[in-house]
Amino acid sequence: MTEADPQSAPFARRERPGWVAIAFIGMCVLTAVSLYVGGLRMVHKPSLRPAIAVLPFTTVNADEDAQRFGVKIAAELTGALRNAVELRVTDQAPDVQVMGSVEGADGHVLVTVRLIRKANRYQLWSHTYEEDPQSDSAVLAKTMAIAVRAALHTRAGR
């Protein structure tokens, strides 16, 4: 019996550090895998905010007032859409595009605005506004921005 005790003591000492090492290595592997998978989710998580681009408005006729009004409207609309919480105004790889045309007619300007899904060129929304070329383009741009947000079902402000 006395001989068995010295043999079992070293055996017990060897067994305990082996299990501790295996448990430690297992914990390290699980931690590394969870960090890797969690990191992938963070890096590859797509943004829920749609990217939108406002393209320059085209002029149907050569009327100078209509051309200037189209440039002002596109710039004002871009600024108004930047205030949307759930939109990203960008020039690169947009999800949707705002396209427009301006036509001068009988002292008025007809502004047609279209919201196009870029992936399949599907028209999501369209509207035509009739304005005076000397009217405030910022007011019209805000009205258009509200309509675009409504078409995309997003909140209005920050």
Protein backbone atom coordinates (compact mmCIF):
# COMPACT_ATOMS: atom_id res chain seq x y z
CA MET A 1 0.00 0.00 0.00
CA THR A 2 2.78 2.37 0.71
CA GLU A 3 4.22 1.67 -2.71
CA ALA A 4 0.96 2.60 -4.44
CA ASP A 5 0.80 6.00 -2.78
CA PRO A 6 4.05 7.35 -4.23
CA GLN A 7 3.09 6.12 -7.72
CA SER A 8 -0.41 7.63 -7.64
CA ALA A 9 0.82 11.04 -6.45
CA PRO A 10 2.98 11.75 -9.54
CA PHE A 11 0.25 10.39 -11.77
CA ALA A 12 -2.27 12.81 -10.23
CA ARG A 13 0.15 15.71 -10.62
CA ARG A 14 0.69 14.95 -14.32
CA GLU A 15 -3.02 14.56 -15.04
CA ARG A 16 -4.14 17.89 -13.53
CA PRO A 17 -1.78 20.17 -15.53
CA GLY A 18 -2.74 18.33 -18.73
CA TRP A 19 -6.44 19.08 -18.26
CA VAL A 20 -5.73 22.68 -17.33
CA ALA A 21 -3.65 23.12 -20.50
CA ILE A 22 -6.36 21.55 -22.68
CA ALA A 23 -9.03 23.76 -21.08
CA PHE A 24 -6.85 26.87 -21.57
CA ILE A 25 -6.19 26.05 -25.23
CA GLY A 26 -9.90 25.38 -25.77
CA MET A 27 -10.83 28.74 -24.26
CA CYS A 28 -8.25 30.50 -26.46
CA VAL A 29 -9.60 28.81 -29.59
CA LEU A 30 -13.21 29.69 -28.69
CA THR A 31 -12.24 33.29 -27.99
CA ALA A 32 -10.34 33.57 -31.28
CA VAL A 33 -13.24 32.09 -33.26
CA SER A 34 -15.81 34.36 -31.59
CA LEU A 35 -13.67 37.45 -32.21
CA TYR A 36 -13.16 36.47 -35.84
CA VAL A 37 -16.85 35.82 -36.48
CA GLY A 38 -17.88 38.94 -34.56
CA GLY A 39 -15.35 40.99 -36.49
CA LEU A 40 -16.70 39.71 -39.79
CA ARG A 41 -20.21 40.71 -38.82
CA MET A 42 -19.05 44.21 -37.96
CA VAL A 43 -17.00 44.68 -41.11
CA HIS A 44 -19.44 43.17 -43.60
CA LYS A 45 -22.66 44.48 -42.05
CA PRO A 46 -24.41 46.46 -44.76
CA SER A 47 -25.68 49.90 -43.92
CA LEU A 48 -29.41 50.12 -43.43
CA ARG A 49 -29.42 53.69 -44.69
CA PRO A 50 -29.92 53.85 -48.44
CA ALA A 51 -27.32 55.78 -50.41
CA ILE A 52 -28.87 58.40 -52.63
CA ALA A 53 -27.34 60.56 -55.35
CA VAL A 54 -28.83 63.70 -56.87
CA LEU A 55 -27.83 63.89 -60.51
CA PRO A 56 -27.65 67.23 -62.33
CA PHE A 57 -31.02 68.25 -63.71
CA THR A 58 -31.22 68.30 -67.48
CA THR A 59 -32.69 71.23 -69.39
CA VAL A 60 -35.26 70.34 -72.03
CA ASN A 61 -34.98 73.65 -73.86
CA ALA A 62 -32.19 76.22 -74.06
CA ASP A 63 -33.92 78.73 -71.80
CA GLU A 64 -31.25 80.34 -69.57
CA ASP A 65 -33.63 80.91 -66.67
CA ALA A 66 -34.64 77.25 -66.70
CA GLN A 67 -31.01 76.17 -66.84
CA ARG A 68 -30.02 78.32 -63.86
CA PHE A 69 -33.11 77.20 -61.96
CA GLY A 70 -32.21 73.53 -62.61
CA VAL A 71 -28.70 73.99 -61.24
CA LYS A 72 -30.02 75.75 -58.13
CA ILE A 73 -32.70 73.11 -57.55
CA ALA A 74 -30.22 70.21 -57.79
CA ALA A 75 -27.87 71.89 -55.32
CA GLU A 76 -30.68 72.81 -52.91
CA LEU A 77 -32.21 69.32 -53.12
CA THR A 78 -28.84 67.73 -52.33
CA GLY A 79 -28.53 69.94 -49.27
CA ALA A 80 -32.09 69.24 -48.14
CA LEU A 81 -31.60 65.47 -48.46
CA ARG A 82 -28.40 65.61 -46.40
CA ASN A 83 -30.59 66.48 -43.39
CA ALA A 84 -32.40 63.13 -43.57
CA VAL A 85 -31.41 60.83 -40.73
CA GLU A 86 -31.79 57.61 -42.69
CA LEU A 87 -30.23 58.69 -46.00
CA ARG A 88 -26.63 58.85 -47.10
CA VAL A 89 -26.13 61.40 -49.87
CA THR A 90 -23.23 60.17 -51.97
CA ASP A 91 -21.81 60.29 -55.46
CA GLN A 92 -20.38 56.78 -55.43
CA ALA A 93 -22.43 53.58 -55.68
CA PRO A 94 -25.84 54.96 -54.73
CA ASP A 95 -28.83 52.68 -54.18
CA VAL A 96 -31.24 55.24 -55.62
CA GLN A 97 -30.83 58.28 -57.83
CA VAL A 98 -32.81 61.49 -58.04
CA MET A 99 -32.99 62.58 -61.65
CA GLY A 100 -34.74 65.64 -62.93
CA SER A 101 -35.47 67.81 -65.90
CA VAL A 102 -36.34 71.49 -66.16
CA GLU A 103 -38.37 73.00 -68.95
CA GLY A 104 -39.22 76.68 -69.39
CA ALA A 105 -42.76 77.31 -70.61
CA ASP A 106 -44.83 80.53 -70.73
CA GLY A 107 -42.89 82.33 -67.99
CA HIS A 108 -43.01 79.26 -65.75
CA VAL A 109 -40.61 76.43 -65.14
CA LEU A 110 -41.75 72.81 -65.14
CA VAL A 111 -39.52 70.67 -62.93
CA THR A 112 -39.95 66.92 -63.24
CA VAL A 113 -38.29 64.81 -60.57
CA ARG A 114 -37.87 61.02 -60.68
CA LEU A 115 -36.59 58.64 -58.04
CA ILE A 116 -34.90 55.65 -59.69
CA ARG A 117 -33.61 52.44 -58.10
CA LYS A 118 -30.15 52.10 -59.61
CA ALA A 119 -29.90 48.29 -59.56
CA ASN A 120 -32.77 47.70 -61.99
CA ARG A 121 -33.57 51.25 -63.22
CA TYR A 122 -37.07 50.93 -61.71
CA GLN A 123 -38.85 54.25 -61.20
CA LEU A 124 -39.97 54.47 -57.57
CA TRP A 125 -41.61 57.89 -57.72
CA SER A 126 -42.13 60.83 -60.04
CA HIS A 127 -43.71 64.26 -59.79
CA THR A 128 -43.85 67.47 -61.83
CA TYR A 129 -43.77 70.89 -60.18
CA GLU A 130 -44.70 74.18 -61.88
CA GLU A 131 -42.81 77.20 -60.54
CA ASP A 132 -41.90 80.76 -61.39
CA PRO A 133 -38.19 80.97 -62.39
CA GLN A 134 -37.72 83.82 -59.90
CA SER A 135 -39.30 81.89 -57.01
CA ASP A 136 -37.27 80.60 -54.09
CA SER A 137 -35.59 77.37 -55.18
CA ALA A 138 -34.91 76.39 -51.55
CA VAL A 139 -38.63 76.10 -50.79
CA LEU A 140 -39.21 73.89 -53.83
CA ALA A 141 -36.15 71.78 -52.96
CA LYS A 142 -37.46 71.22 -49.41
CA THR A 143 -40.83 70.20 -50.80
CA MET A 144 -39.11 67.76 -53.16
CA ALA A 145 -36.93 66.39 -50.36
CA ILE A 146 -40.01 65.70 -48.23
CA ALA A 147 -41.62 63.87 -51.14
CA VAL A 148 -38.44 61.83 -51.81
CA ARG A 149 -38.19 60.88 -48.13
CA ALA A 150 -41.83 59.85 -48.14
CA ALA A 151 -41.25 57.73 -51.24
CA LEU A 152 -38.35 56.03 -49.46
CA HIS A 153 -40.24 55.86 -46.12
CA THR A 154 -37.59 57.71 -44.12
CA ARG A 155 -37.72 60.21 -41.27
CA ALA A 156 -37.59 63.91 -42.07
CA GLY A 157 -34.90 65.41 -39.84
CA ARG A 158 -31.95 64.89 -37.54
